Full PDB file with SEQRES, HELIX, SHEET, SSBOND, CRYST1, ORIGX, SCALE, CONECT and MASTER records, all heavy atoms in Angstrom:
SEQRES   1 A   30  SER SER GLN VAL GLY CYS ALA LEU ASP CYS SER PHE CYS          
SEQRES   2 A   30  ALA THR ALA ARG GLN GLY PHE ASN ARG ASN LEU THR THR          
SEQRES   3 A   30  GLY GLU ILE VAL                                              
HELIX    1 AA1 THR A   15  GLN A   18  5                                   4    
HELIX    2 AA2 THR A   26  ILE A   29  1                                   4    
SHEET    1 AA1 2 GLN A   3  GLY A   5  0                                        
SHEET    2 AA1 2 PHE A  20  ASN A  23 -1                                        
CRYST1    1.000    1.000    1.000  90.00  90.00  90.00 P 1           1          
ORIGX1      1.000000  0.000000  0.000000        0.00000                         
ORIGX2      0.000000  1.000000  0.000000        0.00000                         
ORIGX3      0.000000  0.000000  1.000000        0.00000                         
SCALE1      1.000000  0.000000  0.000000        0.00000                         
SCALE2      0.000000  1.000000  0.000000        0.00000                         
SCALE3      0.000000  0.000000  1.000000        0.00000                         
ATOM      1  N   SER A   1     -14.416 -36.848  24.203  1.00  0.00           N  
ATOM      2  CA  SER A   1     -14.741 -36.018  23.049  1.00  0.00           C  
ATOM      3  C   SER A   1     -15.641 -36.766  22.074  1.00  0.00           C  
ATOM      4  O   SER A   1     -15.610 -37.994  21.986  1.00  0.00           O  
ATOM      5  CB  SER A   1     -13.464 -35.586  22.330  1.00  0.00           C  
ATOM      6  OG  SER A   1     -12.695 -34.709  23.129  1.00  0.00           O  
ATOM      7  N   SER A   2     -16.434 -35.993  21.328  1.00  0.00           N  
ATOM      8  CA  SER A   2     -17.353 -36.571  20.348  1.00  0.00           C  
ATOM      9  C   SER A   2     -17.105 -36.080  18.927  1.00  0.00           C  
ATOM     10  O   SER A   2     -17.644 -36.647  17.972  1.00  0.00           O  
ATOM     11  CB  SER A   2     -18.802 -36.253  20.731  1.00  0.00           C  
ATOM     12  OG  SER A   2     -18.982 -34.843  20.849  1.00  0.00           O  
ATOM     13  N   GLN A   3     -16.310 -35.020  18.781  1.00  0.00           N  
ATOM     14  CA  GLN A   3     -16.025 -34.464  17.466  1.00  0.00           C  
ATOM     15  C   GLN A   3     -14.583 -33.971  17.435  1.00  0.00           C  
ATOM     16  O   GLN A   3     -13.983 -33.710  18.483  1.00  0.00           O  
ATOM     17  CB  GLN A   3     -16.954 -33.279  17.158  1.00  0.00           C  
ATOM     18  CG  GLN A   3     -18.426 -33.625  17.083  1.00  0.00           C  
ATOM     19  CD  GLN A   3     -19.286 -32.391  16.797  1.00  0.00           C  
ATOM     20  OE1 GLN A   3     -19.144 -31.364  17.437  1.00  0.00           O  
ATOM     21  NE2 GLN A   3     -20.185 -32.510  15.828  1.00  0.00           N  
ATOM     22  N   VAL A   4     -14.033 -33.848  16.234  1.00  0.00           N  
ATOM     23  CA  VAL A   4     -12.762 -33.148  16.041  1.00  0.00           C  
ATOM     24  C   VAL A   4     -13.114 -31.683  15.849  1.00  0.00           C  
ATOM     25  O   VAL A   4     -13.656 -31.292  14.827  1.00  0.00           O  
ATOM     26  CB  VAL A   4     -11.985 -33.676  14.828  1.00  0.00           C  
ATOM     27  CG1 VAL A   4     -10.661 -32.933  14.684  1.00  0.00           C  
ATOM     28  CG2 VAL A   4     -11.732 -35.183  14.958  1.00  0.00           C  
ATOM     29  N   GLY A   5     -12.835 -30.869  16.862  1.00  0.00           N  
ATOM     30  CA  GLY A   5     -13.259 -29.487  16.844  1.00  0.00           C  
ATOM     31  C   GLY A   5     -14.729 -29.365  17.171  1.00  0.00           C  
ATOM     32  O   GLY A   5     -15.367 -30.292  17.690  1.00  0.00           O  
ATOM     33  N   CYS A   6     -15.312 -28.204  16.870  1.00  0.00           N  
ATOM     34  CA  CYS A   6     -16.725 -27.969  17.152  1.00  0.00           C  
ATOM     35  C   CYS A   6     -17.208 -26.833  16.275  1.00  0.00           C  
ATOM     36  O   CYS A   6     -16.478 -25.864  16.034  1.00  0.00           O  
ATOM     37  CB  CYS A   6     -16.935 -27.622  18.626  1.00  0.00           C  
ATOM     38  SG  CYS A   6     -18.680 -27.464  19.101  1.00  0.00           S  
ATOM     39  N   ALA A   7     -18.458 -26.944  15.809  1.00  0.00           N  
ATOM     40  CA  ALA A   7     -19.016 -25.937  14.907  1.00  0.00           C  
ATOM     41  C   ALA A   7     -19.851 -24.886  15.626  1.00  0.00           C  
ATOM     42  O   ALA A   7     -20.308 -23.935  14.996  1.00  0.00           O  
ATOM     43  CB  ALA A   7     -19.882 -26.628  13.853  1.00  0.00           C  
ATOM     44  N   LEU A   8     -20.058 -25.020  16.936  1.00  0.00           N  
ATOM     45  CA  LEU A   8     -21.014 -24.153  17.610  1.00  0.00           C  
ATOM     46  C   LEU A   8     -20.448 -22.799  18.014  1.00  0.00           C  
ATOM     47  O   LEU A   8     -21.190 -21.889  18.349  1.00  0.00           O  
ATOM     48  CB  LEU A   8     -21.606 -24.872  18.829  1.00  0.00           C  
ATOM     49  CG  LEU A   8     -22.410 -26.127  18.509  1.00  0.00           C  
ATOM     50  CD1 LEU A   8     -23.171 -26.591  19.744  1.00  0.00           C  
ATOM     51  CD2 LEU A   8     -23.369 -25.910  17.359  1.00  0.00           C  
ATOM     52  N   ASP A   9     -19.140 -22.659  18.066  1.00  0.00           N  
ATOM     53  CA  ASP A   9     -18.491 -21.356  18.213  1.00  0.00           C  
ATOM     54  C   ASP A   9     -18.851 -20.631  19.504  1.00  0.00           C  
ATOM     55  O   ASP A   9     -19.019 -19.406  19.511  1.00  0.00           O  
ATOM     56  CB  ASP A   9     -18.817 -20.462  17.003  1.00  0.00           C  
ATOM     57  CG  ASP A   9     -17.810 -19.330  16.842  1.00  0.00           C  
ATOM     58  OD1 ASP A   9     -16.674 -19.485  17.321  1.00  0.00           O  
ATOM     59  OD2 ASP A   9     -18.163 -18.305  16.239  1.00  0.00           O  
ATOM     60  N   CYS A  10     -18.954 -21.353  20.609  1.00  0.00           N  
ATOM     61  CA  CYS A  10     -19.154 -20.689  21.902  1.00  0.00           C  
ATOM     62  C   CYS A  10     -17.942 -19.791  22.174  1.00  0.00           C  
ATOM     63  O   CYS A  10     -16.791 -20.213  22.003  1.00  0.00           O  
ATOM     64  CB  CYS A  10     -19.325 -21.710  23.014  1.00  0.00           C  
ATOM     65  SG  CYS A  10     -20.823 -22.711  22.823  1.00  0.00           S  
ATOM     66  N   SER A  11     -18.185 -18.563  22.589  1.00  0.00           N  
ATOM     67  CA  SER A  11     -17.140 -17.545  22.572  1.00  0.00           C  
ATOM     68  C   SER A  11     -16.037 -17.770  23.597  1.00  0.00           C  
ATOM     69  O   SER A  11     -14.943 -17.226  23.442  1.00  0.00           O  
ATOM     70  CB  SER A  11     -17.770 -16.165  22.795  1.00  0.00           C  
ATOM     71  OG  SER A  11     -18.372 -16.090  24.078  1.00  0.00           O  
ATOM     72  N   PHE A  12     -16.287 -18.572  24.642  1.00  0.00           N  
ATOM     73  CA  PHE A  12     -15.312 -18.772  25.715  1.00  0.00           C  
ATOM     74  C   PHE A  12     -14.608 -20.120  25.618  1.00  0.00           C  
ATOM     75  O   PHE A  12     -13.897 -20.533  26.539  1.00  0.00           O  
ATOM     76  CB  PHE A  12     -16.017 -18.689  27.077  1.00  0.00           C  
ATOM     77  CG  PHE A  12     -17.205 -19.611  27.177  1.00  0.00           C  
ATOM     78  CD1 PHE A  12     -17.044 -20.926  27.554  1.00  0.00           C  
ATOM     79  CD2 PHE A  12     -18.471 -19.155  26.867  1.00  0.00           C  
ATOM     80  CE1 PHE A  12     -18.130 -21.785  27.620  1.00  0.00           C  
ATOM     81  CE2 PHE A  12     -19.568 -20.008  26.935  1.00  0.00           C  
ATOM     82  CZ  PHE A  12     -19.395 -21.322  27.312  1.00  0.00           C  
ATOM     83  N   CYS A  13     -14.800 -20.853  24.511  1.00  0.00           N  
ATOM     84  CA  CYS A  13     -14.348 -22.247  24.410  1.00  0.00           C  
ATOM     85  C   CYS A  13     -13.126 -22.375  23.509  1.00  0.00           C  
ATOM     86  O   CYS A  13     -13.134 -21.904  22.362  1.00  0.00           O  
ATOM     87  CB  CYS A  13     -15.484 -23.108  23.862  1.00  0.00           C  
ATOM     88  SG  CYS A  13     -15.045 -24.841  23.645  1.00  0.00           S  
ATOM     89  N   ALA A  14     -12.078 -23.027  24.027  1.00  0.00           N  
ATOM     90  CA  ALA A  14     -10.856 -23.214  23.249  1.00  0.00           C  
ATOM     91  C   ALA A  14     -11.093 -24.118  22.044  1.00  0.00           C  
ATOM     92  O   ALA A  14     -10.505 -23.916  20.972  1.00  0.00           O  
ATOM     93  CB  ALA A  14      -9.750 -23.796  24.136  1.00  0.00           C  
ATOM     94  N   THR A  15     -11.942 -25.132  22.193  1.00  0.00           N  
ATOM     95  CA  THR A  15     -12.224 -26.029  21.073  1.00  0.00           C  
ATOM     96  C   THR A  15     -12.841 -25.274  19.902  1.00  0.00           C  
ATOM     97  O   THR A  15     -12.541 -25.544  18.733  1.00  0.00           O  
ATOM     98  CB  THR A  15     -13.170 -27.158  21.514  1.00  0.00           C  
ATOM     99  OG1 THR A  15     -12.576 -27.883  22.583  1.00  0.00           O  
ATOM    100  CG2 THR A  15     -13.461 -28.117  20.374  1.00  0.00           C  
ATOM    101  N   ALA A  16     -13.708 -24.305  20.210  1.00  0.00           N  
ATOM    102  CA  ALA A  16     -14.387 -23.566  19.149  1.00  0.00           C  
ATOM    103  C   ALA A  16     -13.403 -22.836  18.251  1.00  0.00           C  
ATOM    104  O   ALA A  16     -13.669 -22.636  17.058  1.00  0.00           O  
ATOM    105  CB  ALA A  16     -15.371 -22.568  19.765  1.00  0.00           C  
ATOM    106  N   ARG A  17     -12.254 -22.450  18.798  1.00  0.00           N  
ATOM    107  CA  ARG A  17     -11.275 -21.712  18.007  1.00  0.00           C  
ATOM    108  C   ARG A  17     -10.652 -22.567  16.909  1.00  0.00           C  
ATOM    109  O   ARG A  17     -10.051 -22.060  15.983  1.00  0.00           O  
ATOM    110  CB  ARG A  17     -10.165 -21.160  18.911  1.00  0.00           C  
ATOM    111  CG  ARG A  17     -10.658 -20.357  20.091  1.00  0.00           C  
ATOM    112  CD  ARG A  17     -11.408 -19.093  19.627  1.00  0.00           C  
ATOM    113  NE  ARG A  17     -12.029 -18.429  20.761  1.00  0.00           N  
ATOM    114  CZ  ARG A  17     -11.399 -17.610  21.579  1.00  0.00           C  
ATOM    115  NH1 ARG A  17     -10.114 -17.348  21.393  1.00  0.00           N  
ATOM    116  NH2 ARG A  17     -12.035 -17.038  22.571  1.00  0.00           N  
ATOM    117  N   GLN A  18     -10.771 -23.896  17.031  1.00  0.00           N  
ATOM    118  CA  GLN A  18     -10.187 -24.790  16.043  1.00  0.00           C  
ATOM    119  C   GLN A  18     -11.132 -25.034  14.866  1.00  0.00           C  
ATOM    120  O   GLN A  18     -10.734 -25.637  13.869  1.00  0.00           O  
ATOM    121  CB  GLN A  18      -9.834 -26.126  16.698  1.00  0.00           C  
ATOM    122  CG  GLN A  18      -8.849 -25.994  17.837  1.00  0.00           C  
ATOM    123  CD  GLN A  18      -8.629 -27.314  18.546  1.00  0.00           C  
ATOM    124  OE1 GLN A  18      -8.598 -28.370  17.919  1.00  0.00           O  
ATOM    125  NE2 GLN A  18      -8.468 -27.275  19.860  1.00  0.00           N  
ATOM    126  N   GLY A  19     -12.379 -24.574  14.975  1.00  0.00           N  
ATOM    127  CA  GLY A  19     -13.347 -24.884  13.937  1.00  0.00           C  
ATOM    128  C   GLY A  19     -13.773 -26.341  14.003  1.00  0.00           C  
ATOM    129  O   GLY A  19     -13.454 -27.066  14.940  1.00  0.00           O  
ATOM    130  N   PHE A  20     -14.520 -26.773  13.012  1.00  0.00           N  
ATOM    131  CA  PHE A  20     -15.029 -28.139  12.977  1.00  0.00           C  
ATOM    132  C   PHE A  20     -14.365 -28.911  11.853  1.00  0.00           C  
ATOM    133  O   PHE A  20     -14.279 -28.427  10.716  1.00  0.00           O  
ATOM    134  CB  PHE A  20     -16.545 -28.131  12.772  1.00  0.00           C  
ATOM    135  CG  PHE A  20     -17.136 -29.504  12.587  1.00  0.00           C  
ATOM    136  CD1 PHE A  20     -17.238 -30.384  13.646  1.00  0.00           C  
ATOM    137  CD2 PHE A  20     -17.571 -29.916  11.336  1.00  0.00           C  
ATOM    138  CE1 PHE A  20     -17.780 -31.649  13.471  1.00  0.00           C  
ATOM    139  CE2 PHE A  20     -18.113 -31.177  11.153  1.00  0.00           C  
ATOM    140  CZ  PHE A  20     -18.218 -32.042  12.227  1.00  0.00           C  
ATOM    141  N   ASN A  21     -13.897 -30.140  12.173  1.00  0.00           N  
ATOM    142  CA  ASN A  21     -13.293 -30.994  11.158  1.00  0.00           C  
ATOM    143  C   ASN A  21     -14.226 -32.137  10.781  1.00  0.00           C  
ATOM    144  O   ASN A  21     -14.625 -32.269   9.629  1.00  0.00           O  
ATOM    145  CB  ASN A  21     -11.944 -31.529  11.656  1.00  0.00           C  
ATOM    146  CG  ASN A  21     -11.167 -32.247  10.586  1.00  0.00           C  
ATOM    147  OD1 ASN A  21     -11.556 -33.317  10.148  1.00  0.00           O  
ATOM    148  ND2 ASN A  21     -10.057 -31.650  10.147  1.00  0.00           N  
ATOM    149  N   ARG A  22     -14.600 -32.975  11.772  1.00  0.00           N  
ATOM    150  CA  ARG A  22     -15.520 -34.067  11.467  1.00  0.00           C  
ATOM    151  C   ARG A  22     -16.065 -34.671  12.758  1.00  0.00           C  
ATOM    152  O   ARG A  22     -15.536 -34.437  13.861  1.00  0.00           O  
ATOM    153  CB  ARG A  22     -14.844 -35.164  10.646  1.00  0.00           C  
ATOM    154  CG  ARG A  22     -13.779 -35.969  11.376  1.00  0.00           C  
ATOM    155  CD  ARG A  22     -13.336 -37.148  10.516  1.00  0.00           C  
ATOM    156  NE  ARG A  22     -12.277 -37.932  11.120  1.00  0.00           N  
ATOM    157  CZ  ARG A  22     -12.468 -38.923  11.993  1.00  0.00           C  
ATOM    158  NH1 ARG A  22     -13.684 -39.245  12.406  1.00  0.00           N  
ATOM    159  NH2 ARG A  22     -11.424 -39.609  12.461  1.00  0.00           N  
ATOM    160  N   ASN A  23     -17.113 -35.487  12.620  1.00  0.00           N  
ATOM    161  CA  ASN A  23     -17.636 -36.287  13.720  1.00  0.00           C  
ATOM    162  C   ASN A  23     -16.721 -37.480  13.993  1.00  0.00           C  
ATOM    163  O   ASN A  23     -16.078 -38.007  13.075  1.00  0.00           O  
ATOM    164  CB  ASN A  23     -19.030 -36.818  13.393  1.00  0.00           C  
ATOM    165  CG  ASN A  23     -20.104 -35.757  13.461  1.00  0.00           C  
ATOM    166  OD1 ASN A  23     -20.035 -34.835  14.268  1.00  0.00           O  
ATOM    167  ND2 ASN A  23     -21.110 -35.881  12.611  1.00  0.00           N  
ATOM    168  N   LEU A  24     -16.691 -37.922  15.218  1.00  0.00           N  
ATOM    169  CA  LEU A  24     -16.033 -39.180  15.535  1.00  0.00           C  
ATOM    170  C   LEU A  24     -16.982 -40.337  15.261  1.00  0.00           C  
ATOM    171  O   LEU A  24     -18.203 -40.197  15.339  1.00  0.00           O  
ATOM    172  CB  LEU A  24     -15.619 -39.215  17.012  1.00  0.00           C  
ATOM    173  CG  LEU A  24     -14.644 -38.145  17.494  1.00  0.00           C  
ATOM    174  CD1 LEU A  24     -14.169 -38.465  18.916  1.00  0.00           C  
ATOM    175  CD2 LEU A  24     -13.455 -38.001  16.572  1.00  0.00           C  
ATOM    176  N   THR A  25     -16.427 -41.493  14.954  1.00  0.00           N  
ATOM    177  CA  THR A  25     -17.226 -42.715  14.864  1.00  0.00           C  
ATOM    178  C   THR A  25     -17.499 -43.224  16.276  1.00  0.00           C  
ATOM    179  O   THR A  25     -16.872 -42.811  17.254  1.00  0.00           O  
ATOM    180  CB  THR A  25     -16.479 -43.799  14.079  1.00  0.00           C  
ATOM    181  OG1 THR A  25     -15.296 -44.173  14.809  1.00  0.00           O  
ATOM    182  CG2 THR A  25     -16.080 -43.312  12.696  1.00  0.00           C  
ATOM    183  N   THR A  26     -18.430 -44.169  16.372  1.00  0.00           N  
ATOM    184  CA  THR A  26     -18.683 -44.811  17.666  1.00  0.00           C  
ATOM    185  C   THR A  26     -17.401 -45.408  18.225  1.00  0.00           C  
ATOM    186  O   THR A  26     -17.087 -45.259  19.416  1.00  0.00           O  
ATOM    187  CB  THR A  26     -19.748 -45.907  17.509  1.00  0.00           C  
ATOM    188  OG1 THR A  26     -20.987 -45.305  17.126  1.00  0.00           O  
ATOM    189  CG2 THR A  26     -19.951 -46.683  18.797  1.00  0.00           C  
ATOM    190  N   GLY A  27     -16.642 -46.073  17.383  1.00  0.00           N  
ATOM    191  CA  GLY A  27     -15.404 -46.708  17.836  1.00  0.00           C  
ATOM    192  C   GLY A  27     -14.379 -45.716  18.326  1.00  0.00           C  
ATOM    193  O   GLY A  27     -13.598 -46.015  19.239  1.00  0.00           O  
ATOM    194  N   GLU A  28     -14.357 -44.519  17.745  1.00  0.00           N  
ATOM    195  CA  GLU A  28     -13.408 -43.501  18.191  1.00  0.00           C  
ATOM    196  C   GLU A  28     -13.835 -42.894  19.522  1.00  0.00           C  
ATOM    197  O   GLU A  28     -12.989 -42.457  20.314  1.00  0.00           O  
ATOM    198  CB  GLU A  28     -13.261 -42.429  17.119  1.00  0.00           C  
ATOM    199  CG  GLU A  28     -12.506 -42.923  15.891  1.00  0.00           C  
ATOM    200  CD  GLU A  28     -12.599 -41.978  14.710  1.00  0.00           C  
ATOM    201  OE1 GLU A  28     -13.550 -41.174  14.638  1.00  0.00           O  
ATOM    202  OE2 GLU A  28     -11.723 -42.060  13.818  1.00  0.00           O  
ATOM    203  N   ILE A  29     -15.134 -42.856  19.776  1.00  0.00           N  
ATOM    204  CA  ILE A  29     -15.619 -42.405  21.087  1.00  0.00           C  
ATOM    205  C   ILE A  29     -15.288 -43.447  22.147  1.00  0.00           C  
ATOM    206  O   ILE A  29     -14.675 -43.151  23.178  1.00  0.00           O  
ATOM    207  CB  ILE A  29     -17.136 -42.134  21.039  1.00  0.00           C  
ATOM    208  CG1 ILE A  29     -17.442 -40.970  20.093  1.00  0.00           C  
ATOM    209  CG2 ILE A  29     -17.671 -41.838  22.436  1.00  0.00           C  
ATOM    210  CD1 ILE A  29     -18.928 -40.761  19.827  1.00  0.00           C  
ATOM    211  N   VAL A  30     -15.674 -44.685  21.894  1.00  0.00           N  
ATOM    212  CA  VAL A  30     -15.435 -45.760  22.856  1.00  0.00           C  
ATOM    213  C   VAL A  30     -13.946 -46.027  23.015  1.00  0.00           C  
ATOM    214  O   VAL A  30     -13.464 -46.363  24.104  1.00  0.00           O  
ATOM    215  CB  VAL A  30     -16.185 -47.031  22.414  1.00  0.00           C  
ATOM    216  CG1 VAL A  30     -15.841 -48.220  23.313  1.00  0.00           C  
ATOM    217  CG2 VAL A  30     -17.685 -46.782  22.429  1.00  0.00           C  
TER     218      VAL A  30                                                      
MASTER        0    0    0    2    2    0    0    6  217    1    0    3          
END                                                                             
């Protein structure tokens, strides 16, 4: 994952239903 939630709102995506919270840092990705 690269973000907490997602802002793009693709209609078939479970993540999109959570909305967008924030970006992850590099350290949180790695």
